């Protein structure tokens, strides 16, 4: 399932469906930049023909293309656990020989470079919580840096490396990893950890 339809389906499931069991859905992407609904700017995407998609979850801007795999967890709020979700992703990566680590609240890294990020949305009135994220398998890092790197003066002032220097594709070190193999590993890991789950 590819965005922006994917975000619409996520929103529908959060608002219109009574969730009784955990649900996980892996998927792929069209070329786009995903931002919070309140984010302004990103005029460059329109001039380049890249879709700008607005999402209701928090976090920073996300560049997505066919080389970037995505995952979605939907849980009844009482069962929602960010760490458990990320452990599921780490377990799936481990099935593929990738010994990644959690860094901070929502990032996964390999050799200190970011390979996955996440965003979250809670709907207390509906009793459901969402966690979706990306995994860089073979994404266009030049394009990612073009759309996500802040003003160079800000980077220099704060001593922060550019986006391109802080991320990596799994295929750089694990050429056998593909979008399909990652999706299969995510489904297998999720089902093993929660037999009552649903996958889409």
Protein backbone atom coordinates (compact mmCIF):
# COMPACT_ATOMS: atom_id res chain seq x y z
CA UNK A 1 0.00 0.00 0.00
CA UNK A 2 1.57 3.31 -1.06
CA UNK A 3 1.07 6.82 0.29
CA UNK A 4 -0.82 9.12 0.28
CA UNK A 5 -3.57 6.49 0.29
CA UNK A 6 -1.78 4.76 3.15
CA UNK A 7 -2.14 7.78 5.43
CA UNK A 8 -5.85 7.97 4.56
CA UNK A 9 -6.30 4.31 5.47
CA UNK A 10 -4.44 4.83 8.76
CA UNK A 11 -6.70 7.77 9.58
CA UNK A 12 -9.80 5.74 8.73
CA UNK A 13 -8.71 2.86 10.94
CA UNK A 14 -8.06 5.23 13.83
CA UNK A 15 -11.38 7.06 13.52
CA UNK A 16 -13.93 4.60 12.16
CA UNK A 17 -12.92 1.09 13.20
CA UNK A 18 -13.25 -0.47 16.64
CA UNK A 19 -9.80 -1.99 17.09
CA UNK A 20 -9.90 -5.15 19.19
CA UNK A 21 -6.48 -6.63 18.33
CA UNK A 22 -3.08 -5.21 17.37
CA UNK A 23 -2.59 -4.59 13.66
CA UNK A 24 0.64 -4.20 11.71
CA UNK A 25 1.01 -3.26 8.05
CA UNK A 26 4.30 -3.05 6.12
CA UNK A 27 4.37 -1.24 2.79
CA UNK A 28 6.14 0.90 0.21
CA UNK A 29 6.06 4.46 -1.06
CA UNK A 30 5.80 6.82 -3.94
CA UNK A 31 8.28 9.73 -4.05
CA UNK A 32 7.12 12.29 -1.49
CA UNK A 33 7.93 14.39 1.54
CA UNK A 34 5.66 13.79 4.53
CA UNK A 35 5.24 16.57 7.12
CA UNK A 36 3.02 17.42 10.07
CA UNK A 37 -0.23 19.20 9.21
CA UNK A 38 1.07 22.46 10.76
CA UNK A 39 4.44 22.51 8.94
CA UNK A 40 4.99 25.36 6.48
CA UNK A 41 7.47 25.74 3.63
CA UNK A 42 8.77 22.95 1.41
CA UNK A 43 7.94 24.89 -1.76
CA UNK A 44 10.81 23.08 -3.49
CA UNK A 45 8.86 19.82 -3.57
CA UNK A 46 6.12 21.27 -5.77
CA UNK A 47 8.58 22.79 -8.23
CA UNK A 48 10.36 19.42 -8.47
CA UNK A 49 7.15 17.44 -8.95
CA UNK A 50 7.54 15.67 -5.59
CA UNK A 51 4.32 15.17 -3.62
CA UNK A 52 4.01 16.96 -0.28
CA UNK A 53 1.86 14.82 2.02
CA UNK A 54 0.55 16.06 5.36
CA UNK A 55 0.15 13.65 8.25
CA UNK A 56 -1.42 13.97 11.68
CA UNK A 57 1.41 12.31 13.61
CA UNK A 58 4.27 14.32 15.08
CA UNK A 59 7.95 14.39 14.24
CA UNK A 60 9.98 16.06 11.52
CA UNK A 61 9.79 15.90 7.75
CA UNK A 62 10.22 12.48 6.13
CA UNK A 63 11.46 11.81 2.60
CA UNK A 64 10.04 8.63 1.09
CA UNK A 65 10.61 6.87 -2.21
CA UNK A 66 10.37 3.28 -3.52
CA UNK A 67 13.65 2.46 -1.74
CA UNK A 68 12.18 3.39 1.63
CA UNK A 69 10.05 0.73 3.33
CA UNK A 70 7.38 1.74 5.82
CA UNK A 71 5.54 0.06 8.68
CA UNK A 72 2.43 0.87 10.70
CA UNK A 73 1.41 -0.43 14.12
CA UNK A 74 -2.13 0.16 15.40
CA UNK A 75 -2.91 -0.88 18.96
CA UNK A 76 -5.70 -0.41 21.47
CA UNK A 77 -4.28 2.44 23.55
CA UNK A 78 -4.10 0.34 26.72
CA UNK A 79 -1.74 -2.07 24.94
CA UNK A 80 0.38 0.52 23.12
CA UNK A 81 4.12 0.32 23.85
CA UNK A 82 6.61 2.20 21.67
CA UNK A 83 9.57 0.19 22.94
CA UNK A 84 7.82 -3.09 22.17
CA UNK A 85 7.05 -1.91 18.64
CA UNK A 86 10.66 -0.92 18.04
CA UNK A 87 11.83 -4.24 19.46
CA UNK A 88 9.63 -5.89 16.83
CA UNK A 89 11.35 -3.89 14.08
CA UNK A 90 14.76 -4.68 15.58
CA UNK A 91 13.81 -8.35 15.68
CA UNK A 92 12.77 -8.25 12.03
CA UNK A 93 16.07 -6.64 11.10
CA UNK A 94 17.88 -9.29 13.14
CA UNK A 95 16.20 -11.99 11.03
CA UNK A 96 17.97 -10.38 8.06
CA UNK A 97 21.34 -10.28 9.82
CA UNK A 98 21.15 -6.58 10.70
CA UNK A 99 22.09 -5.95 14.34
CA UNK A 100 20.60 -2.49 14.71
CA UNK A 101 20.19 -0.48 17.91
CA UNK A 102 17.60 1.88 19.33
CA UNK A 103 18.75 5.47 19.75
CA UNK A 104 16.66 8.06 21.53
CA UNK A 105 12.90 7.70 21.61
CA UNK A 106 12.16 6.72 18.04
CA UNK A 107 15.27 6.11 15.91
CA UNK A 108 17.05 2.89 14.95
CA UNK A 109 20.71 2.98 13.96
CA UNK A 110 23.38 0.74 12.51
CA UNK A 111 27.01 1.65 13.18
CA UNK A 112 25.80 5.00 14.57
CA UNK A 113 23.95 5.90 11.38
CA UNK A 114 20.19 6.26 11.28
CA UNK A 115 18.31 3.64 9.29
CA UNK A 116 14.81 4.09 10.73
CA UNK A 117 12.65 6.81 12.25
CA UNK A 118 9.13 6.85 13.69
CA UNK A 119 6.18 9.11 14.46
CA UNK A 120 3.16 8.59 16.70
CA UNK A 121 -0.48 9.59 17.03
CA UNK A 122 -2.87 8.88 19.90
CA UNK A 123 -6.67 9.08 19.77
CA UNK A 124 -7.80 8.82 23.40
CA UNK A 125 -11.47 9.25 22.50
CA UNK A 126 -11.25 6.23 20.20
CA UNK A 127 -8.95 4.21 22.46
CA UNK A 128 -6.43 3.62 19.68
CA UNK A 129 -2.79 4.58 19.14
CA UNK A 130 -0.71 4.62 15.96
CA UNK A 131 3.01 4.20 15.41
CA UNK A 132 4.37 4.43 11.88
CA UNK A 133 7.92 4.58 10.64
CA UNK A 134 10.37 4.16 7.80
CA UNK A 135 13.35 1.92 7.09
CA UNK A 136 15.98 3.04 4.58
CA UNK A 137 16.60 0.03 2.36
CA UNK A 138 17.80 1.57 -0.90
CA UNK A 139 16.50 5.12 -0.90
CA UNK A 140 17.92 8.00 -2.94
CA UNK A 141 20.09 9.65 -0.27
CA UNK A 142 20.96 12.55 -2.55
CA UNK A 143 17.28 13.41 -2.85
CA UNK A 144 16.76 12.80 0.86
CA UNK A 145 19.49 15.29 1.69
CA UNK A 146 18.13 17.80 -0.82
CA UNK A 147 14.68 17.88 0.77
CA UNK A 148 15.50 17.38 4.44
CA UNK A 149 18.78 19.20 5.16
CA UNK A 150 18.18 22.50 7.02
CA UNK A 151 19.92 25.73 6.16
CA UNK A 152 23.70 25.09 6.10
CA UNK A 153 24.32 28.06 8.40
CA UNK A 154 22.18 26.42 11.10
CA UNK A 155 24.12 23.18 10.78
CA UNK A 156 27.45 24.97 11.04
CA UNK A 157 26.33 27.06 14.02
CA UNK A 158 25.24 23.97 15.94
CA UNK A 159 28.08 21.73 14.81
CA UNK A 160 25.63 19.22 13.33
CA UNK A 161 26.48 16.97 10.39
CA UNK A 162 24.25 17.11 7.32
CA UNK A 163 21.39 14.64 6.96
CA UNK A 164 23.32 12.68 4.34
CA UNK A 165 26.24 12.15 6.73
CA UNK A 166 23.97 10.79 9.48
CA UNK A 167 21.92 8.18 7.61
CA UNK A 168 22.59 5.03 5.58
CA UNK A 169 20.78 2.48 3.44
CA UNK A 170 20.69 -1.15 4.55
CA UNK A 171 21.78 -2.19 1.06
CA UNK A 172 25.14 -0.46 1.62
CA UNK A 173 26.14 -3.21 4.04
CA UNK A 174 23.51 -5.86 3.37
CA UNK A 175 23.00 -6.09 -0.42
CA UNK A 176 20.74 -9.13 -0.04
CA UNK A 177 18.13 -7.14 1.92
CA UNK A 178 15.15 -6.02 -0.15
CA UNK A 179 11.81 -4.35 0.48
CA UNK A 180 10.04 -7.71 0.16
CA UNK A 181 12.40 -9.54 2.51
CA UNK A 182 12.05 -6.78 5.10
CA UNK A 183 8.24 -6.85 4.88
CA UNK A 184 8.25 -10.65 5.26
CA UNK A 185 10.53 -10.37 8.30
CA UNK A 186 8.30 -7.71 9.89
CA UNK A 187 5.20 -9.85 9.46
CA UNK A 188 6.95 -12.97 10.82
CA UNK A 189 8.35 -11.12 13.85
CA UNK A 190 5.04 -9.42 14.66
CA UNK A 191 3.09 -12.68 14.45
CA UNK A 192 5.61 -14.47 16.65
CA UNK A 193 5.47 -11.78 19.32
CA UNK A 194 1.68 -11.39 19.26
CA UNK A 195 -0.25 -14.39 17.87
CA UNK A 196 -3.55 -12.46 18.26
CA UNK A 197 -2.40 -9.75 15.86
CA UNK A 198 -3.59 -8.92 12.37
CA UNK A 199 -1.33 -8.04 9.43
CA UNK A 200 -2.36 -6.21 6.27
